[in-house]
Amino acid sequence: MRSISGTMTGSSIDAEDTLSFSSLQSIRPMIETVPLANAAEAYGRMMRNEARFRIVLISARLPRVDVQVIRV
């Protein structure tokens, strides 16, 4: 049996090109950060379509990165 598979988001080369373009143009993601202790609440917000941006769970031990952060 033969099959064809692929991805709707493009190839790994497409992803690399997108990240390179974003870096060169200083495009940064808009994210919401939620403490890891509140992961269940964040999951609920996501499932109810209440997440305004991408939700990122954070741990106190992780370093900060250069992105526009929307705190909830």
PDB file of N, CA and C in Angstrom:
ATOM      1  N   MET A   1       0.843  -1.179   0.000  1.00  0.00           N
ATOM      2  CA  MET A   1       0.000   0.000   0.000  1.00  0.00           C
ATOM      3  C   MET A   1       0.886   1.240   0.000  1.00  0.00           C
ATOM      4  N   ARG A   2       0.550   2.192  -0.805  1.00  0.00           N
ATOM      5  CA  ARG A   2       1.305   3.442  -0.897  1.00  0.00           C
ATOM      6  C   ARG A   2       0.540   4.557  -0.197  1.00  0.00           C
ATOM      7  N   SER A   3       1.286   5.500   0.311  1.00  0.00           N
ATOM      8  CA  SER A   3       0.638   6.660   0.935  1.00  0.00           C
ATOM      9  C   SER A   3       1.501   7.891   0.738  1.00  0.00           C
ATOM     10  N   ILE A   4       0.875   9.024   0.844  1.00  0.00           N
ATOM     11  CA  ILE A   4       1.552  10.313   0.756  1.00  0.00           C
ATOM     12  C   ILE A   4       1.318  11.024   2.077  1.00  0.00           C
ATOM     13  N   SER A   5       2.374  11.586   2.630  1.00  0.00           N
ATOM     14  CA  SER A   5       2.217  12.333   3.878  1.00  0.00           C
ATOM     15  C   SER A   5       2.934  13.660   3.769  1.00  0.00           C
ATOM     16  N   GLY A   6       2.565  14.572   4.627  1.00  0.00           N
ATOM     17  CA  GLY A   6       3.168  15.891   4.622  1.00  0.00           C
ATOM     18  C   GLY A   6       2.696  16.677   5.821  1.00  0.00           C
ATOM     19  N   THR A   7       3.022  17.940   5.818  1.00  0.00           N
ATOM     20  CA  THR A   7       2.616  18.806   6.917  1.00  0.00           C
ATOM     21  C   THR A   7       1.990  20.076   6.367  1.00  0.00           C
ATOM     22  N   MET A   8       0.988  20.579   7.048  1.00  0.00           N
ATOM     23  CA  MET A   8       0.311  21.802   6.606  1.00  0.00           C
ATOM     24  C   MET A   8       1.154  23.045   6.876  1.00  0.00           C
ATOM     25  N   THR A   9       2.179  22.913   7.701  1.00  0.00           N
ATOM     26  CA  THR A   9       2.978  24.086   8.071  1.00  0.00           C
ATOM     27  C   THR A   9       4.235  24.221   7.234  1.00  0.00           C
ATOM     28  N   GLY A  10       4.475  23.331   6.318  1.00  0.00           N
ATOM     29  CA  GLY A  10       5.644  23.430   5.461  1.00  0.00           C
ATOM     30  C   GLY A  10       6.779  22.536   5.928  1.00  0.00           C
ATOM     31  N   SER A  11       7.886  22.634   5.224  1.00  0.00           N
ATOM     32  CA  SER A  11       9.039  21.788   5.524  1.00  0.00           C
ATOM     33  C   SER A  11       9.909  22.431   6.601  1.00  0.00           C
ATOM     34  N   SER A  12      10.920  21.686   7.038  1.00  0.00           N
ATOM     35  CA  SER A  12      11.860  22.238   8.018  1.00  0.00           C
ATOM     36  C   SER A  12      12.634  23.407   7.415  1.00  0.00           C
ATOM     37  N   ILE A  13      12.874  23.382   6.114  1.00  0.00           N
ATOM     38  CA  ILE A  13      13.551  24.501   5.447  1.00  0.00           C
ATOM     39  C   ILE A  13      12.665  25.742   5.486  1.00  0.00           C
ATOM     40  N   ASP A  14      11.356  25.568   5.270  1.00  0.00           N
ATOM     41  CA  ASP A  14      10.419  26.693   5.362  1.00  0.00           C
ATOM     42  C   ASP A  14      10.438  27.302   6.764  1.00  0.00           C
ATOM     43  N   ALA A  15      10.452  26.447   7.786  1.00  0.00           N
ATOM     44  CA  ALA A  15      10.486  26.933   9.157  1.00  0.00           C
ATOM     45  C   ALA A  15      11.783  27.699   9.430  1.00  0.00           C
ATOM     46  N   GLU A  16      12.895  27.185   8.937  1.00  0.00           N
ATOM     47  CA  GLU A  16      14.182  27.858   9.119  1.00  0.00           C
ATOM     48  C   GLU A  16      14.185  29.209   8.412  1.00  0.00           C
ATOM     49  N   ASP A  17      13.649  29.264   7.195  1.00  0.00           N
ATOM     50  CA  ASP A  17      13.565  30.538   6.464  1.00  0.00           C
ATOM     51  C   ASP A  17      12.692  31.540   7.209  1.00  0.00           C
ATOM     52  N   THR A  18      11.579  31.076   7.753  1.00  0.00           N
ATOM     53  CA  THR A  18      10.679  31.946   8.510  1.00  0.00           C
ATOM     54  C   THR A  18      11.369  32.512   9.741  1.00  0.00           C
ATOM     55  N   LEU A  19      12.076  31.662  10.480  1.00  0.00           N
ATOM     56  CA  LEU A  19      12.789  32.127  11.671  1.00  0.00           C
ATOM     57  C   LEU A  19      13.907  33.096  11.308  1.00  0.00           C
ATOM     58  N   SER A  20      14.613  32.834  10.224  1.00  0.00           N
ATOM     59  CA  SER A  20      15.671  33.746   9.782  1.00  0.00           C
ATOM     60  C   SER A  20      15.097  35.107   9.412  1.00  0.00           C
ATOM     61  N   PHE A  21      14.004  35.104   8.656  1.00  0.00           N
ATOM     62  CA  PHE A  21      13.348  36.363   8.277  1.00  0.00           C
ATOM     63  C   PHE A  21      12.904  37.127   9.520  1.00  0.00           C
ATOM     64  N   SER A  22      12.278  36.428  10.460  1.00  0.00           N
ATOM     65  CA  SER A  22      11.806  37.072  11.684  1.00  0.00           C
ATOM     66  C   SER A  22      12.960  37.692  12.456  1.00  0.00           C
ATOM     67  N   SER A  23      14.058  36.990  12.526  1.00  0.00           N
ATOM     68  CA  SER A  23      15.231  37.495  13.243  1.00  0.00           C
ATOM     69  C   SER A  23      15.803  38.732  12.554  1.00  0.00           C
ATOM     70  N   LEU A  24      15.926  38.676  11.241  1.00  0.00           N
ATOM     71  CA  LEU A  24      16.483  39.813  10.492  1.00  0.00           C
ATOM     72  C   LEU A  24      15.598  41.054  10.577  1.00  0.00           C
ATOM     73  N   GLN A  25      14.281  40.861  10.666  1.00  0.00           N
ATOM     74  CA  GLN A  25      13.335  41.974  10.713  1.00  0.00           C
ATOM     75  C   GLN A  25      12.949  42.366  12.138  1.00  0.00           C
ATOM     76  N   SER A  26      13.583  41.751  13.131  1.00  0.00           N
ATOM     77  CA  SER A  26      13.307  42.007  14.557  1.00  0.00           C
ATOM     78  C   SER A  26      11.835  41.743  14.906  1.00  0.00           C
ATOM     79  N   ILE A  27      11.274  40.715  14.309  1.00  0.00           N
ATOM     80  CA  ILE A  27       9.900  40.326  14.616  1.00  0.00           C
ATOM     81  C   ILE A  27       9.946  39.397  15.823  1.00  0.00           C
ATOM     82  N   ARG A  28       9.168  39.710  16.843  1.00  0.00           N
ATOM     83  CA  ARG A  28       9.157  38.923  18.072  1.00  0.00           C
ATOM     84  C   ARG A  28       7.742  38.400  18.328  1.00  0.00           C
ATOM     85  N   PRO A  29       7.631  37.227  18.913  1.00  0.00           N
ATOM     86  CA  PRO A  29       6.298  36.677  19.181  1.00  0.00           C
ATOM     87  C   PRO A  29       5.608  37.409  20.317  1.00  0.00           C
ATOM     88  N   MET A  30       4.295  37.427  20.276  1.00  0.00           N
ATOM     89  CA  MET A  30       3.492  37.944  21.378  1.00  0.00           C
ATOM     90  C   MET A  30       2.966  36.733  22.134  1.00  0.00           C
ATOM     91  N   ILE A  31       3.341  36.615  23.402  1.00  0.00           N
ATOM     92  CA  ILE A  31       2.983  35.442  24.184  1.00  0.00           C
ATOM     93  C   ILE A  31       2.388  35.847  25.519  1.00  0.00           C
ATOM     94  N   GLU A  32       1.667  34.935  26.121  1.00  0.00           N
ATOM     95  CA  GLU A  32       1.216  35.071  27.503  1.00  0.00           C
ATOM     96  C   GLU A  32       2.040  34.096  28.317  1.00  0.00           C
ATOM     97  N   THR A  33       2.577  34.542  29.435  1.00  0.00           N
ATOM     98  CA  THR A  33       3.307  33.624  30.296  1.00  0.00           C
ATOM     99  C   THR A  33       2.449  33.282  31.503  1.00  0.00           C
ATOM    100  N   VAL A  34       2.496  32.021  31.891  1.00  0.00           N
ATOM    101  CA  VAL A  34       1.742  31.523  33.028  1.00  0.00           C
ATOM    102  C   VAL A  34       2.703  30.675  33.866  1.00  0.00           C
ATOM    103  N   PRO A  35       2.749  30.876  35.178  1.00  0.00           N
ATOM    104  CA  PRO A  35       3.603  30.028  36.008  1.00  0.00           C
ATOM    105  C   PRO A  35       3.210  28.564  35.873  1.00  0.00           C
ATOM    106  N   LEU A  36       4.196  27.696  35.931  1.00  0.00           N
ATOM    107  CA  LEU A  36       3.956  26.271  35.786  1.00  0.00           C
ATOM    108  C   LEU A  36       2.937  25.756  36.802  1.00  0.00           C
ATOM    109  N   ALA A  37       2.912  26.362  37.983  1.00  0.00           N
ATOM    110  CA  ALA A  37       1.959  25.953  39.024  1.00  0.00           C
ATOM    111  C   ALA A  37       0.507  26.178  38.579  1.00  0.00           C
ATOM    112  N   ASN A  38       0.288  27.069  37.626  1.00  0.00           N
ATOM    113  CA  ASN A  38      -1.058  27.377  37.136  1.00  0.00           C
ATOM    114  C   ASN A  38      -1.334  26.733  35.772  1.00  0.00           C
ATOM    115  N   ALA A  39      -0.647  25.642  35.468  1.00  0.00           N
ATOM    116  CA  ALA A  39      -0.786  24.997  34.157  1.00  0.00           C
ATOM    117  C   ALA A  39      -2.215  24.545  33.889  1.00  0.00           C
ATOM    118  N   ALA A  40      -2.890  24.018  34.902  1.00  0.00           N
ATOM    119  CA  ALA A  40      -4.266  23.549  34.702  1.00  0.00           C
ATOM    120  C   ALA A  40      -5.190  24.706  34.324  1.00  0.00           C
ATOM    121  N   GLU A  41      -5.010  25.845  34.958  1.00  0.00           N
ATOM    122  CA  GLU A  41      -5.809  27.030  34.633  1.00  0.00           C
ATOM    123  C   GLU A  41      -5.530  27.492  33.196  1.00  0.00           C
ATOM    124  N   ALA A  42      -4.263  27.491  32.810  1.00  0.00           N
ATOM    125  CA  ALA A  42      -3.888  27.899  31.452  1.00  0.00           C
ATOM    126  C   ALA A  42      -4.488  26.949  30.418  1.00  0.00           C
ATOM    127  N   TYR A  43      -4.454  25.662  30.727  1.00  0.00           N
ATOM    128  CA  TYR A  43      -5.033  24.670  29.824  1.00  0.00           C
ATOM    129  C   TYR A  43      -6.537  24.903  29.660  1.00  0.00           C
ATOM    130  N   GLY A  44      -7.201  25.196  30.764  1.00  0.00           N
ATOM    131  CA  GLY A  44      -8.631  25.486  30.708  1.00  0.00           C
ATOM    132  C   GLY A  44      -8.932  26.702  29.858  1.00  0.00           C
ATOM    133  N   ARG A  45      -8.123  27.750  30.005  1.00  0.00           N
ATOM    134  CA  ARG A  45      -8.306  28.969  29.191  1.00  0.00           C
ATOM    135  C   ARG A  45      -8.126  28.644  27.717  1.00  0.00           C
ATOM    136  N   MET A  46      -7.127  27.826  27.415  1.00  0.00           N
ATOM    137  CA  MET A  46      -6.882  27.451  26.026  1.00  0.00           C
ATOM    138  C   MET A  46      -8.067  26.668  25.462  1.00  0.00           C
ATOM    139  N   MET A  47      -8.580  25.718  26.217  1.00  0.00           N
ATOM    140  CA  MET A  47      -9.691  24.896  25.747  1.00  0.00           C
ATOM    141  C   MET A  47     -10.989  25.685  25.600  1.00  0.00           C
ATOM    142  N   ARG A  48     -11.125  26.781  26.360  1.00  0.00           N
ATOM    143  CA  ARG A  48     -12.319  27.647  26.246  1.00  0.00           C
ATOM    144  C   ARG A  48     -12.116  28.774  25.227  1.00  0.00           C
ATOM    145  N   ASN A  49     -11.013  28.713  24.483  1.00  0.00           N
ATOM    146  CA  ASN A  49     -10.669  29.752  23.484  1.00  0.00           C
ATOM    147  C   ASN A  49     -10.538  31.131  24.112  1.00  0.00           C
ATOM    148  N   GLU A  50     -10.053  31.196  25.337  1.00  0.00           N
ATOM    149  CA  GLU A  50      -9.851  32.469  26.017  1.00  0.00           C
ATOM    150  C   GLU A  50      -8.401  32.946  25.959  1.00  0.00           C
ATOM    151  N   ALA A  51      -7.508  32.153  25.381  1.00  0.00           N
ATOM    152  CA  ALA A  51      -6.101  32.553  25.269  1.00  0.00           C
ATOM    153  C   ALA A  51      -5.986  33.598  24.177  1.00  0.00           C
ATOM    154  N   ARG A  52      -5.443  34.745  24.508  1.00  0.00           N
ATOM    155  CA  ARG A  52      -5.338  35.813  23.522  1.00  0.00           C
ATOM    156  C   ARG A  52      -4.140  35.596  22.599  1.00  0.00           C
ATOM    157  N   PHE A  53      -3.051  35.104  23.161  1.00  0.00           N
ATOM    158  CA  PHE A  53      -1.842  34.811  22.398  1.00  0.00           C
ATOM    159  C   PHE A  53      -1.399  33.394  22.735  1.00  0.00           C
ATOM    160  N   ARG A  54      -0.244  33.007  22.264  1.00  0.00           N
ATOM    161  CA  ARG A  54       0.308  31.697  22.620  1.00  0.00           C
ATOM    162  C   ARG A  54       0.611  31.690  24.110  1.00  0.00           C
ATOM    163  N   ILE A  55       0.176  30.675  24.806  1.00  0.00           N
ATOM    164  CA  ILE A  55       0.437  30.564  26.244  1.00  0.00           C
ATOM    165  C   ILE A  55       1.717  29.770  26.444  1.00  0.00           C
ATOM    166  N   VAL A  56       2.623  30.336  27.241  1.00  0.00           N
ATOM    167  CA  VAL A  56       3.892  29.688  27.539  1.00  0.00           C
ATOM    168  C   VAL A  56       3.981  29.495  29.046  1.00  0.00           C
ATOM    169  N   LEU A  57       4.185  28.242  29.447  1.00  0.00           N
ATOM    170  CA  LEU A  57       4.365  27.953  30.870  1.00  0.00           C
ATOM    171  C   LEU A  57       5.808  28.264  31.241  1.00  0.00           C
ATOM    172  N   ILE A  58       5.986  28.944  32.366  1.00  0.00           N
ATOM    173  CA  ILE A  58       7.341  29.321  32.762  1.00  0.00           C
ATOM    174  C   ILE A  58       7.693  28.719  34.117  1.00  0.00           C
ATOM    175  N   SER A  59       8.949  28.467  34.276  1.00  0.00           N
ATOM    176  CA  SER A  59       9.502  27.992  35.532  1.00  0.00           C
ATOM    177  C   SER A  59      10.384  29.113  36.073  1.00  0.00           C
ATOM    178  N   ALA A  60      10.450  29.264  37.373  1.00  0.00           N
ATOM    179  CA  ALA A  60      11.251  30.340  37.968  1.00  0.00           C
ATOM    180  C   ALA A  60      12.725  30.198  37.618  1.00  0.00           C
ATOM    181  N   ARG A  61      13.165  29.001  37.247  1.00  0.00           N
ATOM    182  CA  ARG A  61      14.574  28.776  36.966  1.00  0.00           C
ATOM    183  C   ARG A  61      14.972  29.117  35.542  1.00  0.00           C
ATOM    184  N   LEU A  62      14.037  29.367  34.639  1.00  0.00           N
ATOM    185  CA  LEU A  62      14.370  29.643  33.248  1.00  0.00           C
ATOM    186  C   LEU A  62      14.754  31.105  33.056  1.00  0.00           C
ATOM    187  N   PRO A  63      15.758  31.380  32.209  1.00  0.00           N
ATOM    188  CA  PRO A  63      16.127  32.770  31.935  1.00  0.00           C
ATOM    189  C   PRO A  63      15.070  33.445  31.076  1.00  0.00           C
ATOM    190  N   ARG A  64      15.005  34.754  31.152  1.00  0.00           N
ATOM    191  CA  ARG A  64      14.064  35.533  30.343  1.00  0.00           C
ATOM    192  C   ARG A  64      14.582  35.630  28.915  1.00  0.00           C
ATOM    193  N   VAL A  65      13.674  35.736  27.948  1.00  0.00           N
ATOM    194  CA  VAL A  65      14.053  35.900  26.548  1.00  0.00           C
ATOM    195  C   VAL A  65      13.439  37.189  26.026  1.00  0.00           C
ATOM    196  N   ASP A  66      13.925  37.653  24.878  1.00  0.00           N
ATOM    197  CA  ASP A  66      13.492  38.917  24.311  1.00  0.00           C
ATOM    198  C   ASP A  66      12.230  38.724  23.470  1.00  0.00           C
ATOM    199  N   VAL A  67      11.061  38.772  24.129  1.00  0.00           N
ATOM    200  CA  VAL A  67       9.783  38.681  23.430  1.00  0.00           C
ATOM    201  C   VAL A  67       8.817  39.665  24.083  1.00  0.00           C
ATOM    202  N   GLN A  68       7.767  40.003  23.375  1.00  0.00           N
ATOM    203  CA  GLN A  68       6.725  40.832  23.969  1.00  0.00           C
ATOM    204  C   GLN A  68       5.846  39.921  24.811  1.00  0.00           C
ATOM    205  N   VAL A  69       5.800  40.180  26.086  1.00  0.00           N
ATOM    206  CA  VAL A  69       5.095  39.298  27.012  1.00  0.00           C
ATOM    207  C   VAL A  69       3.823  39.959  27.514  1.00  0.00           C
ATOM    208  N   ILE A  70       2.723  39.232  27.460  1.00  0.00           N
ATOM    209  CA  ILE A  70       1.445  39.674  28.012  1.00  0.00           C
ATOM    210  C   ILE A  70       1.196  38.804  29.235  1.00  0.00           C
ATOM    211  N   ARG A  71       1.246  39.361  30.429  1.00  0.00           N
ATOM    212  CA  ARG A  71       1.067  38.587  31.645  1.00  0.00           C
ATOM    213  C   ARG A  71      -0.408  38.449  31.961  1.00  0.00           C
ATOM    214  N   VAL A  72      -0.794  37.277  32.458  1.00  0.00           N
ATOM    215  CA  VAL A  72      -2.195  37.039  32.827  1.00  0.00           C
ATOM    216  C   VAL A  72      -2.333  36.894  34.308  1.00  0.00           C
TER     217      VAL A  72
END
